[in-house]
Amino acid sequence: MSMKYWYGMRLREAAPGCQPKIGLMNIRYPKPNRDLVQGKKYWSILTYSRPLTDEECHKYDLDRIEQNYYDDKE
């Protein structure tokens, strides 16, 4: 089983150039537009096959979401 890593987009929805491409597996658009996840609101939830670096998270305004948060929803 491959590892999955989830990240929330704080400032915008996912779009070309708005998130790292390498390892991107899935993009989820919460309904309504900004679901509450771990007490925060996100425009999009991204699933990656690799952990993102701190630099990537900072550059794209991403928050790490607890590993198992979406296990039962994917």
C-alpha atoms as a PDB file:
ATOM      1  CA  MET A   1       0.000   0.000   0.000  1.00  0.00           C
ATOM      2  CA  SER A   2       1.409   3.374  -0.990  1.00  0.00           C
ATOM      3  CA  MET A   3       1.542   6.248   1.442  1.00  0.00           C
ATOM      4  CA  LYS A   4      -0.760   9.216   0.931  1.00  0.00           C
ATOM      5  CA  TYR A   5      -0.266  12.751   2.188  1.00  0.00           C
ATOM      6  CA  TRP A   6      -3.035  15.372   2.366  1.00  0.00           C
ATOM      7  CA  TYR A   7      -2.719  19.153   2.193  1.00  0.00           C
ATOM      8  CA  GLY A   8      -5.286  21.946   2.436  1.00  0.00           C
ATOM      9  CA  MET A   9      -5.136  25.005   0.186  1.00  0.00           C
ATOM     10  CA  ARG A  10      -5.701  28.064   2.378  1.00  0.00           C
ATOM     11  CA  LEU A  11      -5.933  30.940  -0.126  1.00  0.00           C
ATOM     12  CA  ARG A  12      -7.321  29.576  -3.406  1.00  0.00           C
ATOM     13  CA  GLU A  13      -8.736  26.556  -5.196  1.00  0.00           C
ATOM     14  CA  ALA A  14      -6.444  24.170  -7.004  1.00  0.00           C
ATOM     15  CA  ALA A  15      -5.613  25.326 -10.540  1.00  0.00           C
ATOM     16  CA  PRO A  16      -2.689  25.003 -12.953  1.00  0.00           C
ATOM     17  CA  GLY A  17       0.449  26.397 -11.304  1.00  0.00           C
ATOM     18  CA  CYS A  18      -1.186  26.828  -7.869  1.00  0.00           C
ATOM     19  CA  GLN A  19       0.180  23.627  -6.274  1.00  0.00           C
ATOM     20  CA  PRO A  20       3.179  21.317  -6.768  1.00  0.00           C
ATOM     21  CA  LYS A  21       2.649  18.834  -9.636  1.00  0.00           C
ATOM     22  CA  ILE A  22       5.092  16.082  -8.661  1.00  0.00           C
ATOM     23  CA  GLY A  23       3.282  13.323  -6.788  1.00  0.00           C
ATOM     24  CA  LEU A  24      -0.189  14.898  -7.060  1.00  0.00           C
ATOM     25  CA  MET A  25      -2.753  12.092  -6.992  1.00  0.00           C
ATOM     26  CA  ASN A  26      -6.115  13.742  -6.378  1.00  0.00           C
ATOM     27  CA  ILE A  27      -7.778  17.125  -5.938  1.00  0.00           C
ATOM     28  CA  ARG A  28     -10.927  17.422  -3.865  1.00  0.00           C
ATOM     29  CA  TYR A  29     -13.114  20.529  -3.815  1.00  0.00           C
ATOM     30  CA  PRO A  30     -14.956  20.515  -0.467  1.00  0.00           C
ATOM     31  CA  LYS A  31     -18.670  21.356  -0.440  1.00  0.00           C
ATOM     32  CA  PRO A  32     -19.804  23.936   0.347  1.00  0.00           C
ATOM     33  CA  ASN A  33     -16.821  25.780  -1.106  1.00  0.00           C
ATOM     34  CA  ARG A  34     -14.882  25.776   2.161  1.00  0.00           C
ATOM     35  CA  ASP A  35     -15.376  22.756   4.473  1.00  0.00           C
ATOM     36  CA  LEU A  36     -14.054  22.843   8.004  1.00  0.00           C
ATOM     37  CA  VAL A  37     -11.098  20.425   8.235  1.00  0.00           C
ATOM     38  CA  GLN A  38      -9.163  20.104  11.489  1.00  0.00           C
ATOM     39  CA  GLY A  39     -10.741  23.393  12.591  1.00  0.00           C
ATOM     40  CA  LYS A  40      -9.647  25.289   9.455  1.00  0.00           C
ATOM     41  CA  LYS A  41     -11.321  26.103   6.147  1.00  0.00           C
ATOM     42  CA  TYR A  42      -9.713  25.059   2.856  1.00  0.00           C
ATOM     43  CA  TRP A  43     -10.579  25.764  -0.770  1.00  0.00           C
ATOM     44  CA  SER A  44      -9.164  22.446  -1.997  1.00  0.00           C
ATOM     45  CA  ILE A  45      -7.776  19.256  -0.471  1.00  0.00           C
ATOM     46  CA  LEU A  46      -4.786  17.756  -2.304  1.00  0.00           C
ATOM     47  CA  THR A  47      -3.592  14.143  -2.071  1.00  0.00           C
ATOM     48  CA  TYR A  48       0.088  13.410  -2.786  1.00  0.00           C
ATOM     49  CA  SER A  49       2.121  10.230  -3.044  1.00  0.00           C
ATOM     50  CA  ARG A  50       5.009  11.953  -1.263  1.00  0.00           C
ATOM     51  CA  PRO A  51       5.411  14.404   1.607  1.00  0.00           C
ATOM     52  CA  LEU A  52       5.841  17.989   0.469  1.00  0.00           C
ATOM     53  CA  THR A  53       8.788  20.023   1.693  1.00  0.00           C
ATOM     54  CA  ASP A  54       8.367  22.950   4.073  1.00  0.00           C
ATOM     55  CA  GLU A  55       9.428  25.205   1.178  1.00  0.00           C
ATOM     56  CA  GLU A  56       6.644  23.843  -1.064  1.00  0.00           C
ATOM     57  CA  CYS A  57       4.039  24.268   1.677  1.00  0.00           C
ATOM     58  CA  HIS A  58       5.153  27.854   2.239  1.00  0.00           C
ATOM     59  CA  LYS A  59       5.349  28.737  -1.476  1.00  0.00           C
ATOM     60  CA  TYR A  60       1.845  27.406  -2.234  1.00  0.00           C
ATOM     61  CA  ASP A  61       0.189  28.285   1.110  1.00  0.00           C
ATOM     62  CA  LEU A  62      -0.580  24.663   2.032  1.00  0.00           C
ATOM     63  CA  ASP A  63      -1.291  23.086   5.429  1.00  0.00           C
ATOM     64  CA  ARG A  64      -0.567  19.418   6.136  1.00  0.00           C
ATOM     65  CA  ILE A  65      -3.722  17.496   7.070  1.00  0.00           C
ATOM     66  CA  GLU A  66      -3.441  14.590   9.499  1.00  0.00           C
ATOM     67  CA  GLN A  67      -2.499  11.434   7.601  1.00  0.00           C
ATOM     68  CA  ASN A  68      -5.642   9.437   8.327  1.00  0.00           C
ATOM     69  CA  TYR A  69      -8.133  12.274   7.985  1.00  0.00           C
ATOM     70  CA  TYR A  70      -9.364  11.215   4.554  1.00  0.00           C
ATOM     71  CA  ASP A  71      -8.548   7.478   4.621  1.00  0.00           C
ATOM     72  CA  ASP A  72     -12.207   6.479   4.819  1.00  0.00           C
ATOM     73  CA  LYS A  73     -13.300   9.035   2.205  1.00  0.00           C
ATOM     74  CA  GLU A  74     -10.900   8.246  -0.668  1.00  0.00           C
END
